PDB file of N, CA and C in Angstrom:
ATOM      1  N   UNK A   1      -5.656   0.144 -16.659  1.00  0.00           N
ATOM      2  CA  UNK A   1      -4.762  -0.819 -16.068  1.00  0.00           C
ATOM      3  C   UNK A   1      -4.914  -0.748 -14.552  1.00  0.00           C
ATOM      4  N   UNK A   2      -4.878  -1.917 -13.922  1.00  0.00           N
ATOM      5  CA  UNK A   2      -4.976  -1.967 -12.468  1.00  0.00           C
ATOM      6  C   UNK A   2      -3.581  -1.931 -11.857  1.00  0.00           C
ATOM      7  N   UNK A   3      -3.482  -1.206 -10.726  1.00  0.00           N
ATOM      8  CA  UNK A   3      -2.245  -1.100  -9.962  1.00  0.00           C
ATOM      9  C   UNK A   3      -2.533  -1.441  -8.508  1.00  0.00           C
ATOM     10  N   UNK A   4      -1.637  -2.209  -7.897  1.00  0.00           N
ATOM     11  CA  UNK A   4      -1.670  -2.426  -6.462  1.00  0.00           C
ATOM     12  C   UNK A   4      -0.765  -1.368  -5.853  1.00  0.00           C
ATOM     13  N   UNK A   5      -1.302  -0.613  -4.914  1.00  0.00           N
ATOM     14  CA  UNK A   5      -0.530   0.417  -4.234  1.00  0.00           C
ATOM     15  C   UNK A   5      -0.302  -0.030  -2.795  1.00  0.00           C
ATOM     16  N   UNK A   6       0.938  -0.440  -2.497  1.00  0.00           N
ATOM     17  CA  UNK A   6       1.290  -0.760  -1.116  1.00  0.00           C
ATOM     18  C   UNK A   6       1.451   0.550  -0.359  1.00  0.00           C
ATOM     19  N   UNK A   7       0.840   0.624   0.804  1.00  0.00           N
ATOM     20  CA  UNK A   7       0.994   1.782   1.684  1.00  0.00           C
ATOM     21  C   UNK A   7       1.989   1.360   2.753  1.00  0.00           C
ATOM     22  N   UNK A   8       3.163   1.993   2.755  1.00  0.00           N
ATOM     23  CA  UNK A   8       4.260   1.575   3.622  1.00  0.00           C
ATOM     24  C   UNK A   8       4.458   2.592   4.737  1.00  0.00           C
ATOM     25  N   UNK A   9       4.388   2.112   5.978  1.00  0.00           N
ATOM     26  CA  UNK A   9       4.596   2.976   7.142  1.00  0.00           C
ATOM     27  C   UNK A   9       6.090   3.102   7.411  1.00  0.00           C
ATOM     28  N   UNK A  10       6.508   4.315   7.696  1.00  0.00           N
ATOM     29  CA  UNK A  10       7.898   4.602   8.043  1.00  0.00           C
ATOM     30  C   UNK A  10       7.881   5.305   9.393  1.00  0.00           C
ATOM     31  N   UNK A  11       8.279   4.610  10.478  1.00  0.00           N
ATOM     32  CA  UNK A  11       8.205   5.210  11.810  1.00  0.00           C
ATOM     33  C   UNK A  11       8.965   6.527  11.924  1.00  0.00           C
ATOM     34  N   UNK A  12      10.070   6.681  11.206  1.00  0.00           N
ATOM     35  CA  UNK A  12      10.836   7.927  11.286  1.00  0.00           C
ATOM     36  C   UNK A  12      10.085   9.083  10.632  1.00  0.00           C
ATOM     37  N   UNK A  13       9.492   8.858   9.471  1.00  0.00           N
ATOM     38  CA  UNK A  13       8.757   9.919   8.775  1.00  0.00           C
ATOM     39  C   UNK A  13       7.459  10.251   9.513  1.00  0.00           C
ATOM     40  N   UNK A  14       6.881   9.274  10.185  1.00  0.00           N
ATOM     41  CA  UNK A  14       5.614   9.496  10.893  1.00  0.00           C
ATOM     42  C   UNK A  14       5.773  10.439  12.081  1.00  0.00           C
ATOM     43  N   UNK A  15       6.994  10.722  12.496  1.00  0.00           N
ATOM     44  CA  UNK A  15       7.221  11.615  13.627  1.00  0.00           C
ATOM     45  C   UNK A  15       6.965  13.080  13.251  1.00  0.00           C
ATOM     46  N   UNK A  16       6.980  13.371  11.942  1.00  0.00           N
ATOM     47  CA  UNK A  16       6.697  14.730  11.494  1.00  0.00           C
ATOM     48  C   UNK A  16       5.207  15.008  11.663  1.00  0.00           C
ATOM     49  N   UNK A  17       4.871  16.227  12.027  1.00  0.00           N
ATOM     50  CA  UNK A  17       3.466  16.585  12.204  1.00  0.00           C
ATOM     51  C   UNK A  17       2.757  16.565  10.849  1.00  0.00           C
ATOM     52  N   UNK A  18       1.589  15.922  10.776  1.00  0.00           N
ATOM     53  CA  UNK A  18       0.855  15.893   9.512  1.00  0.00           C
ATOM     54  C   UNK A  18       0.307  17.275   9.161  1.00  0.00           C
ATOM     55  N   UNK A  19       0.154  17.514   7.886  1.00  0.00           N
ATOM     56  CA  UNK A  19      -0.437  18.751   7.386  1.00  0.00           C
ATOM     57  C   UNK A  19      -1.911  18.472   7.119  1.00  0.00           C
ATOM     58  N   UNK A  20      -2.829  18.973   7.948  1.00  0.00           N
ATOM     59  CA  UNK A  20      -4.244  18.638   7.795  1.00  0.00           C
ATOM     60  C   UNK A  20      -4.827  19.071   6.441  1.00  0.00           C
ATOM     61  N   UNK A  21      -4.173  20.000   5.764  1.00  0.00           N
ATOM     62  CA  UNK A  21      -4.658  20.437   4.447  1.00  0.00           C
ATOM     63  C   UNK A  21      -4.509  19.348   3.391  1.00  0.00           C
ATOM     64  N   UNK A  22      -3.476  18.520   3.518  1.00  0.00           N
ATOM     65  CA  UNK A  22      -3.226  17.502   2.491  1.00  0.00           C
ATOM     66  C   UNK A  22      -3.151  16.079   3.037  1.00  0.00           C
ATOM     67  N   UNK A  23      -3.143  15.900   4.346  1.00  0.00           N
ATOM     68  CA  UNK A  23      -2.933  14.584   4.937  1.00  0.00           C
ATOM     69  C   UNK A  23      -4.200  13.957   5.519  1.00  0.00           C
ATOM     70  N   UNK A  24      -5.321  14.178   4.880  1.00  0.00           N
ATOM     71  CA  UNK A  24      -6.588  13.597   5.318  1.00  0.00           C
ATOM     72  C   UNK A  24      -6.886  12.382   4.453  1.00  0.00           C
ATOM     73  N   UNK A  25      -6.611  11.186   4.988  1.00  0.00           N
ATOM     74  CA  UNK A  25      -6.778   9.977   4.194  1.00  0.00           C
ATOM     75  C   UNK A  25      -8.243   9.740   3.828  1.00  0.00           C
ATOM     76  N   UNK A  26      -9.168  10.116   4.702  1.00  0.00           N
ATOM     77  CA  UNK A  26     -10.584   9.926   4.378  1.00  0.00           C
ATOM     78  C   UNK A  26     -10.991  10.771   3.170  1.00  0.00           C
ATOM     79  N   UNK A  27     -10.446  11.982   3.080  1.00  0.00           N
ATOM     80  CA  UNK A  27     -10.710  12.830   1.922  1.00  0.00           C
ATOM     81  C   UNK A  27     -10.122  12.196   0.658  1.00  0.00           C
ATOM     82  N   UNK A  28      -8.898  11.667   0.739  1.00  0.00           N
ATOM     83  CA  UNK A  28      -8.268  11.006  -0.404  1.00  0.00           C
ATOM     84  C   UNK A  28      -9.118   9.837  -0.874  1.00  0.00           C
ATOM     85  N   UNK A  29      -9.602   9.018   0.077  1.00  0.00           N
ATOM     86  CA  UNK A  29     -10.434   7.854  -0.260  1.00  0.00           C
ATOM     87  C   UNK A  29     -11.724   8.309  -0.942  1.00  0.00           C
ATOM     88  N   UNK A  30     -12.399   9.284  -0.361  1.00  0.00           N
ATOM     89  CA  UNK A  30     -13.667   9.766  -0.937  1.00  0.00           C
ATOM     90  C   UNK A  30     -13.479  10.275  -2.362  1.00  0.00           C
ATOM     91  N   UNK A  31     -12.449  11.097  -2.572  1.00  0.00           N
ATOM     92  CA  UNK A  31     -12.214  11.668  -3.909  1.00  0.00           C
ATOM     93  C   UNK A  31     -11.902  10.587  -4.937  1.00  0.00           C
ATOM     94  N   UNK A  32     -11.072   9.610  -4.562  1.00  0.00           N
ATOM     95  CA  UNK A  32     -10.667   8.598  -5.532  1.00  0.00           C
ATOM     96  C   UNK A  32     -11.696   7.495  -5.707  1.00  0.00           C
ATOM     97  N   UNK A  33     -12.526   7.249  -4.702  1.00  0.00           N
ATOM     98  CA  UNK A  33     -13.663   6.352  -4.896  1.00  0.00           C
ATOM     99  C   UNK A  33     -14.656   6.994  -5.859  1.00  0.00           C
ATOM    100  N   UNK A  34     -14.925   8.287  -5.668  1.00  0.00           N
ATOM    101  CA  UNK A  34     -15.886   8.999  -6.518  1.00  0.00           C
ATOM    102  C   UNK A  34     -15.415   9.070  -7.967  1.00  0.00           C
ATOM    103  N   UNK A  35     -14.112   9.225  -8.172  1.00  0.00           N
ATOM    104  CA  UNK A  35     -13.601   9.335  -9.542  1.00  0.00           C
ATOM    105  C   UNK A  35     -13.452   7.963 -10.209  1.00  0.00           C
ATOM    106  N   UNK A  36     -13.502   6.907  -9.436  1.00  0.00           N
ATOM    107  CA  UNK A  36     -13.324   5.559  -9.981  1.00  0.00           C
ATOM    108  C   UNK A  36     -11.869   5.118 -10.031  1.00  0.00           C
ATOM    109  N   UNK A  37     -10.941   5.965  -9.561  1.00  0.00           N
ATOM    110  CA  UNK A  37      -9.521   5.598  -9.589  1.00  0.00           C
ATOM    111  C   UNK A  37      -9.192   4.556  -8.524  1.00  0.00           C
ATOM    112  N   UNK A  38      -9.928   4.553  -7.417  1.00  0.00           N
ATOM    113  CA  UNK A  38      -9.688   3.592  -6.332  1.00  0.00           C
ATOM    114  C   UNK A  38     -10.798   2.557  -6.358  1.00  0.00           C
ATOM    115  N   UNK A  39     -10.414   1.301  -6.547  1.00  0.00           N
ATOM    116  CA  UNK A  39     -11.388   0.215  -6.588  1.00  0.00           C
ATOM    117  C   UNK A  39     -11.694  -0.274  -5.181  1.00  0.00           C
ATOM    118  N   UNK A  40     -10.649  -0.442  -4.374  1.00  0.00           N
ATOM    119  CA  UNK A  40     -10.823  -0.858  -2.984  1.00  0.00           C
ATOM    120  C   UNK A  40      -9.514  -0.679  -2.238  1.00  0.00           C
ATOM    121  N   UNK A  41      -9.569  -0.749  -0.934  1.00  0.00           N
ATOM    122  CA  UNK A  41      -8.374  -0.658  -0.111  1.00  0.00           C
ATOM    123  C   UNK A  41      -8.691  -1.055   1.311  1.00  0.00           C
ATOM    124  N   UNK A  42      -7.674  -1.441   2.031  1.00  0.00           N
ATOM    125  CA  UNK A  42      -7.839  -1.850   3.427  1.00  0.00           C
ATOM    126  C   UNK A  42      -6.582  -1.539   4.208  1.00  0.00           C
ATOM    127  N   UNK A  43      -6.739  -1.277   5.499  1.00  0.00           N
ATOM    128  CA  UNK A  43      -5.600  -1.215   6.411  1.00  0.00           C
ATOM    129  C   UNK A  43      -5.222  -2.651   6.748  1.00  0.00           C
ATOM    130  N   UNK A  44      -3.981  -2.849   7.159  1.00  0.00           N
ATOM    131  CA  UNK A  44      -3.522  -4.172   7.570  1.00  0.00           C
ATOM    132  C   UNK A  44      -3.109  -4.140   9.035  1.00  0.00           C
ATOM    133  N   UNK A  45      -3.213  -5.290   9.678  1.00  0.00           N
ATOM    134  CA  UNK A  45      -2.758  -5.418  11.066  1.00  0.00           C
ATOM    135  C   UNK A  45      -1.243  -5.200  11.092  1.00  0.00           C
ATOM    136  N   UNK A  46      -0.657  -4.883  12.252  1.00  0.00           N
ATOM    137  CA  UNK A  46       0.785  -4.620  12.337  1.00  0.00           C
ATOM    138  C   UNK A  46       1.627  -5.866  12.071  1.00  0.00           C
ATOM    139  N   UNK A  47       2.931  -5.677  11.801  1.00  0.00           N
ATOM    140  CA  UNK A  47       3.812  -6.809  11.488  1.00  0.00           C
ATOM    141  C   UNK A  47       3.802  -7.913  12.541  1.00  0.00           C
ATOM    142  N   UNK A  48       3.588  -7.576  13.796  1.00  0.00           N
ATOM    143  CA  UNK A  48       3.570  -8.599  14.846  1.00  0.00           C
ATOM    144  C   UNK A  48       2.463  -9.625  14.614  1.00  0.00           C
ATOM    145  N   UNK A  49       1.440  -9.267  13.849  1.00  0.00           N
ATOM    146  CA  UNK A  49       0.332 -10.178  13.568  1.00  0.00           C
ATOM    147  C   UNK A  49       0.514 -10.936  12.254  1.00  0.00           C
ATOM    148  N   UNK A  50       1.652 -10.740  11.582  1.00  0.00           N
ATOM    149  CA  UNK A  50       1.899 -11.389  10.291  1.00  0.00           C
ATOM    150  C   UNK A  50       2.321 -12.841  10.467  1.00  0.00           C
ATOM    151  N   UNK A  51       2.058 -13.632   9.459  1.00  0.00           N
ATOM    152  CA  UNK A  51       2.539 -15.000   9.359  1.00  0.00           C
ATOM    153  C   UNK A  51       3.178 -15.144   7.982  1.00  0.00           C
ATOM    154  N   UNK A  52       4.397 -15.643   7.947  1.00  0.00           N
ATOM    155  CA  UNK A  52       5.103 -15.851   6.681  1.00  0.00           C
ATOM    156  C   UNK A  52       5.221 -17.335   6.418  1.00  0.00           C
ATOM    157  N   UNK A  53       5.170 -17.714   5.154  1.00  0.00           N
ATOM    158  CA  UNK A  53       5.357 -19.124   4.840  1.00  0.00           C
ATOM    159  C   UNK A  53       6.199 -19.287   3.590  1.00  0.00           C
ATOM    160  N   UNK A  54       6.916 -20.410   3.585  1.00  0.00           N
ATOM    161  CA  UNK A  54       7.750 -20.801   2.450  1.00  0.00           C
ATOM    162  C   UNK A  54       7.667 -22.313   2.319  1.00  0.00           C
ATOM    163  N   UNK A  55       7.783 -22.803   1.113  1.00  0.00           N
ATOM    164  CA  UNK A  55       7.883 -24.234   0.902  1.00  0.00           C
ATOM    165  C   UNK A  55       9.287 -24.501   0.367  1.00  0.00           C
ATOM    166  N   UNK A  56      10.069 -25.261   1.112  1.00  0.00           N
ATOM    167  CA  UNK A  56      11.451 -25.568   0.747  1.00  0.00           C
ATOM    168  C   UNK A  56      11.690 -27.056   0.951  1.00  0.00           C
ATOM    169  N   UNK A  57      12.245 -27.678  -0.052  1.00  0.00           N
ATOM    170  CA  UNK A  57      12.561 -29.105   0.057  1.00  0.00           C
ATOM    171  C   UNK A  57      11.356 -29.953   0.383  1.00  0.00           C
ATOM    172  N   UNK A  58      10.197 -29.565  -0.131  1.00  0.00           N
ATOM    173  CA  UNK A  58       8.973 -30.329   0.108  1.00  0.00           C
ATOM    174  C   UNK A  58       8.337 -30.096   1.458  1.00  0.00           C
ATOM    175  N   UNK A  59       8.904 -29.202   2.264  1.00  0.00           N
ATOM    176  CA  UNK A  59       8.358 -28.929   3.596  1.00  0.00           C
ATOM    177  C   UNK A  59       7.835 -27.501   3.663  1.00  0.00           C
ATOM    178  N   UNK A  60       6.747 -27.342   4.371  1.00  0.00           N
ATOM    179  CA  UNK A  60       6.165 -26.022   4.583  1.00  0.00           C
ATOM    180  C   UNK A  60       6.764 -25.423   5.848  1.00  0.00           C
ATOM    181  N   UNK A  61       7.348 -24.241   5.715  1.00  0.00           N
ATOM    182  CA  UNK A  61       7.922 -23.535   6.856  1.00  0.00           C
ATOM    183  C   UNK A  61       7.030 -22.337   7.162  1.00  0.00           C
ATOM    184  N   UNK A  62       6.454 -22.306   8.337  1.00  0.00           N
ATOM    185  CA  UNK A  62       5.562 -21.231   8.758  1.00  0.00           C
ATOM    186  C   UNK A  62       6.201 -20.523   9.942  1.00  0.00           C
ATOM    187  N   UNK A  63       6.329 -19.196   9.843  1.00  0.00           N
ATOM    188  CA  UNK A  63       6.928 -18.424  10.927  1.00  0.00           C
ATOM    189  C   UNK A  63       6.040 -17.232  11.258  1.00  0.00           C
ATOM    190  N   UNK A  64       6.089 -16.831  12.510  1.00  0.00           N
ATOM    191  CA  UNK A  64       5.380 -15.629  12.933  1.00  0.00           C
ATOM    192  C   UNK A  64       6.169 -14.418  12.486  1.00  0.00           C
ATOM    193  N   UNK A  65       5.461 -13.336  12.250  1.00  0.00           N
ATOM    194  CA  UNK A  65       6.129 -12.081  11.963  1.00  0.00           C
ATOM    195  C   UNK A  65       6.220 -11.771  10.482  1.00  0.00           C
ATOM    196  N   UNK A  66       6.783 -10.607  10.196  1.00  0.00           N
ATOM    197  CA  UNK A  66       6.818 -10.133   8.812  1.00  0.00           C
ATOM    198  C   UNK A  66       7.814 -10.909   7.967  1.00  0.00           C
ATOM    199  N   UNK A  67       7.686 -10.748   6.661  1.00  0.00           N
ATOM    200  CA  UNK A  67       8.536 -11.464   5.714  1.00  0.00           C
ATOM    201  C   UNK A  67       9.923 -10.864   5.596  1.00  0.00           C
ATOM    202  N   UNK A  68      10.136  -9.662   6.121  1.00  0.00           N
ATOM    203  CA  UNK A  68      11.436  -9.011   5.992  1.00  0.00           C
ATOM    204  C   UNK A  68      11.779  -8.284   7.292  1.00  0.00           C
ATOM    205  N   UNK A  69      13.046  -8.232   7.590  1.00  0.00           N
ATOM    206  CA  UNK A  69      13.516  -7.465   8.741  1.00  0.00           C
ATOM    207  C   UNK A  69      13.747  -6.031   8.295  1.00  0.00           C
ATOM    208  N   UNK A  70      12.864  -5.150   8.684  1.00  0.00           N
ATOM    209  CA  UNK A  70      12.953  -3.764   8.270  1.00  0.00           C
ATOM    210  C   UNK A  70      12.183  -2.889   9.240  1.00  0.00           C
ATOM    211  N   UNK A  71      12.527  -1.625   9.316  1.00  0.00           N
ATOM    212  CA  UNK A  71      11.784  -0.699  10.167  1.00  0.00           C
ATOM    213  C   UNK A  71      10.462  -0.320   9.502  1.00  0.00           C
ATOM    214  N   UNK A  72      10.452  -0.278   8.181  1.00  0.00           N
ATOM    215  CA  UNK A  72       9.227   0.049   7.454  1.00  0.00           C
ATOM    216  C   UNK A  72       8.378  -1.214   7.343  1.00  0.00           C
ATOM    217  N   UNK A  73       7.074  -1.036   7.251  1.00  0.00           N
ATOM    218  CA  UNK A  73       6.186  -2.176   7.098  1.00  0.00           C
ATOM    219  C   UNK A  73       4.953  -1.787   6.298  1.00  0.00           C
ATOM    220  N   UNK A  74       4.393  -2.759   5.597  1.00  0.00           N
ATOM    221  CA  UNK A  74       3.210  -2.525   4.781  1.00  0.00           C
ATOM    222  C   UNK A  74       2.031  -2.325   5.721  1.00  0.00           C
ATOM    223  N   UNK A  75       1.431  -1.146   5.665  1.00  0.00           N
ATOM    224  CA  UNK A  75       0.342  -0.779   6.564  1.00  0.00           C
ATOM    225  C   UNK A  75      -1.023  -0.985   5.914  1.00  0.00           C
ATOM    226  N   UNK A  76      -1.060  -1.074   4.607  1.00  0.00           N
ATOM    227  CA  UNK A  76      -2.319  -1.241   3.906  1.00  0.00           C
ATOM    228  C   UNK A  76      -2.081  -1.294   2.411  1.00  0.00           C
ATOM    229  N   UNK A  77      -3.176  -1.307   1.672  1.00  0.00           N
ATOM    230  CA  UNK A  77      -3.071  -1.353   0.222  1.00  0.00           C
ATOM    231  C   UNK A  77      -4.319  -0.742  -0.388  1.00  0.00           C
ATOM    232  N   UNK A  78      -4.185  -0.340  -1.623  1.00  0.00           N
ATOM    233  CA  UNK A  78      -5.314   0.107  -2.429  1.00  0.00           C
ATOM    234  C   UNK A  78      -5.136  -0.476  -3.817  1.00  0.00           C
ATOM    235  N   UNK A  79      -6.239  -0.789  -4.460  1.00  0.00           N
ATOM    236  CA  UNK A  79      -6.211  -1.200  -5.849  1.00  0.00           C
ATOM    237  C   UNK A  79      -6.729  -0.026  -6.663  1.00  0.00           C
ATOM    238  N   UNK A  80      -5.904   0.423  -7.588  1.00  0.00           N
ATOM    239  CA  UNK A  80      -6.228   1.583  -8.409  1.00  0.00           C
ATOM    240  C   UNK A  80      -6.517   1.135  -9.828  1.00  0.00           C
ATOM    241  N   UNK A  81      -7.424   1.821 -10.486  1.00  0.00           N
ATOM    242  CA  UNK A  81      -7.704   1.616 -11.905  1.00  0.00           C
ATOM    243  C   UNK A  81      -7.359   2.915 -12.596  1.00  0.00           C
ATOM    244  N   UNK A  82      -6.271   2.913 -13.356  1.00  0.00           N
ATOM    245  CA  UNK A  82      -5.770   4.124 -13.995  1.00  0.00           C
ATOM    246  C   UNK A  82      -5.426   3.827 -15.452  1.00  0.00           C
ATOM    247  N   UNK A  83      -5.439   4.853 -16.263  1.00  0.00           N
ATOM    248  CA  UNK A  83      -5.131   4.688 -17.682  1.00  0.00           C
ATOM    249  C   UNK A  83      -3.689   4.240 -17.894  1.00  0.00           C
ATOM    250  N   UNK A  84      -2.781   4.734 -17.056  1.00  0.00           N
ATOM    251  CA  UNK A  84      -1.361   4.416 -17.225  1.00  0.00           C
ATOM    252  C   UNK A  84      -0.617   4.745 -15.932  1.00  0.00           C
ATOM    253  N   UNK A  85       0.684   4.497 -15.931  1.00  0.00           N
ATOM    254  CA  UNK A  85       1.492   4.737 -14.744  1.00  0.00           C
ATOM    255  C   UNK A  85       1.484   6.208 -14.342  1.00  0.00           C
ATOM    256  N   UNK A  86       1.493   7.117 -15.311  1.00  0.00           N
ATOM    257  CA  UNK A  86       1.475   8.543 -14.978  1.00  0.00           C
ATOM    258  C   UNK A  86       0.239   8.907 -14.166  1.00  0.00           C
ATOM    259  N   UNK A  87      -0.913   8.382 -14.547  1.00  0.00           N
ATOM    260  CA  UNK A  87      -2.137   8.663 -13.791  1.00  0.00           C
ATOM    261  C   UNK A  87      -2.072   8.018 -12.409  1.00  0.00           C
ATOM    262  N   UNK A  88      -1.541   6.801 -12.313  1.00  0.00           N
ATOM    263  CA  UNK A  88      -1.415   6.130 -11.016  1.00  0.00           C
ATOM    264  C   UNK A  88      -0.494   6.922 -10.090  1.00  0.00           C
ATOM    265  N   UNK A  89       0.587   7.470 -10.627  1.00  0.00           N
ATOM    266  CA  UNK A  89       1.492   8.295  -9.827  1.00  0.00           C
ATOM    267  C   UNK A  89       0.774   9.555  -9.358  1.00  0.00           C
ATOM    268  N   UNK A  90      -0.018  10.169 -10.228  1.00  0.00           N
ATOM    269  CA  UNK A  90      -0.755  11.379  -9.848  1.00  0.00           C
ATOM    270  C   UNK A  90      -1.728  11.084  -8.713  1.00  0.00           C
ATOM    271  N   UNK A  91      -2.427   9.959  -8.781  1.00  0.00           N
ATOM    272  CA  UNK A  91      -3.368   9.578  -7.719  1.00  0.00           C
ATOM    273  C   UNK A  91      -2.611   9.291  -6.423  1.00  0.00           C
ATOM    274  N   UNK A  92      -1.550   8.492  -6.501  1.00  0.00           N
ATOM    275  CA  UNK A  92      -0.792   8.098  -5.317  1.00  0.00           C
ATOM    276  C   UNK A  92      -0.100   9.287  -4.665  1.00  0.00           C
ATOM    277  N   UNK A  93       0.337  10.235  -5.461  1.00  0.00           N
ATOM    278  CA  UNK A  93       1.096  11.369  -4.911  1.00  0.00           C
ATOM    279  C   UNK A  93       0.280  12.213  -3.945  1.00  0.00           C
ATOM    280  N   UNK A  94      -1.029  12.114  -4.012  1.00  0.00           N
ATOM    281  CA  UNK A  94      -1.890  12.895  -3.127  1.00  0.00           C
ATOM    282  C   UNK A  94      -2.294  12.126  -1.875  1.00  0.00           C
ATOM    283  N   UNK A  95      -1.867  10.858  -1.759  1.00  0.00           N
ATOM    284  CA  UNK A  95      -2.179  10.056  -0.571  1.00  0.00           C
ATOM    285  C   UNK A  95      -1.325  10.572   0.589  1.00  0.00           C
ATOM    286  N   UNK A  96      -1.887  10.719   1.788  1.00  0.00           N
ATOM    287  CA  UNK A  96      -1.129  11.231   2.928  1.00  0.00           C
ATOM    288  C   UNK A  96       0.139  10.445   3.247  1.00  0.00           C
ATOM    289  N   UNK A  97       0.176   9.161   2.968  1.00  0.00           N
ATOM    290  CA  UNK A  97       1.365   8.377   3.284  1.00  0.00           C
ATOM    291  C   UNK A  97       2.518   8.663   2.333  1.00  0.00           C
ATOM    292  N   UNK A  98       2.291   9.439   1.281  1.00  0.00           N
ATOM    293  CA  UNK A  98       3.409   9.866   0.440  1.00  0.00           C
ATOM    294  C   UNK A  98       4.333  10.767   1.261  1.00  0.00           C
ATOM    295  N   UNK A  99       3.790  11.434   2.280  1.00  0.00           N
ATOM    296  CA  UNK A  99       4.577  12.310   3.151  1.00  0.00           C
ATOM    297  C   UNK A  99       4.995  11.603   4.443  1.00  0.00           C
ATOM    298  N   UNK A 100       4.186  10.665   4.930  1.00  0.00           N
ATOM    299  CA  UNK A 100       4.452  10.044   6.226  1.00  0.00           C
ATOM    300  C   UNK A 100       5.043   8.641   6.107  1.00  0.00           C
ATOM    301  N   UNK A 101       5.233   8.166   4.908  1.00  0.00           N
ATOM    302  CA  UNK A 101       5.765   6.823   4.683  1.00  0.00           C
ATOM    303  C   UNK A 101       6.217   6.750   3.243  1.00  0.00           C
ATOM    304  N   UNK A 102       5.783   5.728   2.543  1.00  0.00           N
ATOM    305  CA  UNK A 102       6.025   5.654   1.108  1.00  0.00           C
ATOM    306  C   UNK A 102       4.939   4.811   0.476  1.00  0.00           C
ATOM    307  N   UNK A 103       4.825   4.923  -0.821  1.00  0.00           N
ATOM    308  CA  UNK A 103       3.837   4.174  -1.582  1.00  0.00           C
ATOM    309  C   UNK A 103       4.566   3.443  -2.695  1.00  0.00           C
ATOM    310  N   UNK A 104       4.207   2.207  -2.915  1.00  0.00           N
ATOM    311  CA  UNK A 104       4.797   1.428  -4.006  1.00  0.00           C
ATOM    312  C   UNK A 104       3.678   1.030  -4.957  1.00  0.00           C
ATOM    313  N   UNK A 105       3.839   1.348  -6.222  1.00  0.00           N
ATOM    314  CA  UNK A 105       2.863   0.996  -7.246  1.00  0.00           C
ATOM    315  C   UNK A 105       3.366  -0.204  -8.034  1.00  0.00           C
ATOM    316  N   UNK A 106       2.504  -1.203  -8.191  1.00  0.00           N
ATOM    317  CA  UNK A 106       2.843  -2.353  -9.036  1.00  0.00           C
ATOM    318  C   UNK A 106       1.670  -2.641  -9.937  1.00  0.00           C
ATOM    319  N   UNK A 107       1.922  -2.686 -11.254  1.00  0.00           N
ATOM    320  CA  UNK A 107       0.837  -3.039 -12.156  1.00  0.00           C
ATOM    321  C   UNK A 107       0.463  -4.509 -11.988  1.00  0.00           C
ATOM    322  N   UNK A 108      -0.817  -4.797 -12.162  1.00  0.00           N
ATOM    323  CA  UNK A 108      -1.247  -6.194 -12.173  1.00  0.00           C
ATOM    324  C   UNK A 108      -0.642  -6.854 -13.404  1.00  0.00           C
ATOM    325  N   UNK A 109      -0.370  -8.117 -13.298  1.00  0.00           N
ATOM    326  CA  UNK A 109       0.163  -8.907 -14.408  1.00  0.00           C
ATOM    327  C   UNK A 109      -0.909  -9.928 -14.765  1.00  0.00           C
ATOM    328  N   UNK A 110      -1.871  -9.501 -15.590  1.00  0.00           N
ATOM    329  CA  UNK A 110      -3.018 -10.380 -15.856  1.00  0.00           C
ATOM    330  C   UNK A 110      -2.618 -11.621 -16.651  1.00  0.00           C
ATOM    331  N   UNK A 111      -3.336 -12.688 -16.392  1.00  0.00           N
ATOM    332  CA  UNK A 111      -3.155 -13.902 -17.174  1.00  0.00           C
ATOM    333  C   UNK A 111      -3.702 -13.647 -18.559  1.00  0.00           C
ATOM    334  N   UNK A 112      -3.000 -14.093 -19.556  1.00  0.00           N
ATOM    335  CA  UNK A 112      -3.468 -13.930 -20.931  1.00  0.00           C
ATOM    336  C   UNK A 112      -4.452 -15.037 -21.246  1.00  0.00           C
ATOM    337  N   UNK A 113      -5.513 -14.663 -21.918  1.00  0.00           N
ATOM    338  CA  UNK A 113      -6.406 -15.525 -22.462  1.00  0.00           C
ATOM    339  C   UNK A 113      -7.335 -16.459 -22.184  1.00  0.00           C
TER     340      UNK A 113
END
């Protein structure tokens, strides 16, 4: 099953000093690419570079900035291929942002047929 893993930056948690033994994102990427658990991932530009859009009453509303007012922001994403949620949690739990931010796992909702 495929999972989208949002990597969420938390400015308050990021103030803690990283632990180089477990907080090496390049090592996490290499290990999970090699195992096949990580299909792809990318960093994202900061919220100031975001554009949000909505269609309401037949009109397109386009605004600068993030979709939500929050201190936390989506910093990147990874697509994981795991047997089940337990395996996805095991993979995500070793990502450095589990300590410096948060990670959100969402299973893909494939179209049937």
